[in-house]
């Protein structure tokens, strides 16, 4: 079993994840790292791994954020449209009152 298969089996599989990719990273210096089990001083391999869940969570967060922003924008637009509708109704009523008053004045001065 190669290293990537072992990493997938030991780290990702128990958490119902799948390793999508792994890249071996080479160190510039061979220094001793006490918390790593090595075959000798500084002889160790380091991998950077990417899992399906990390991508899905990131994508889901992005989609959720976009949906929330769109929803907020729609709510704000709805509120502005509601205010515009109320203002339009007020202007309509004011115009009707003005027309009625103008008509009464015209009838009064016509006689």
Foldseek 3Di string as FASTA:
>chain_A
DDPVVVCQVPPPVVVVKGWPDKDKDDDPDQAADVVDDAPDRSHDIDIDIDIPVVVVVVVVVVVVVVVVVVVVVVVVVVVVVVVVVVVVVVVVVVVVVVVVVVVVVVVVVVD
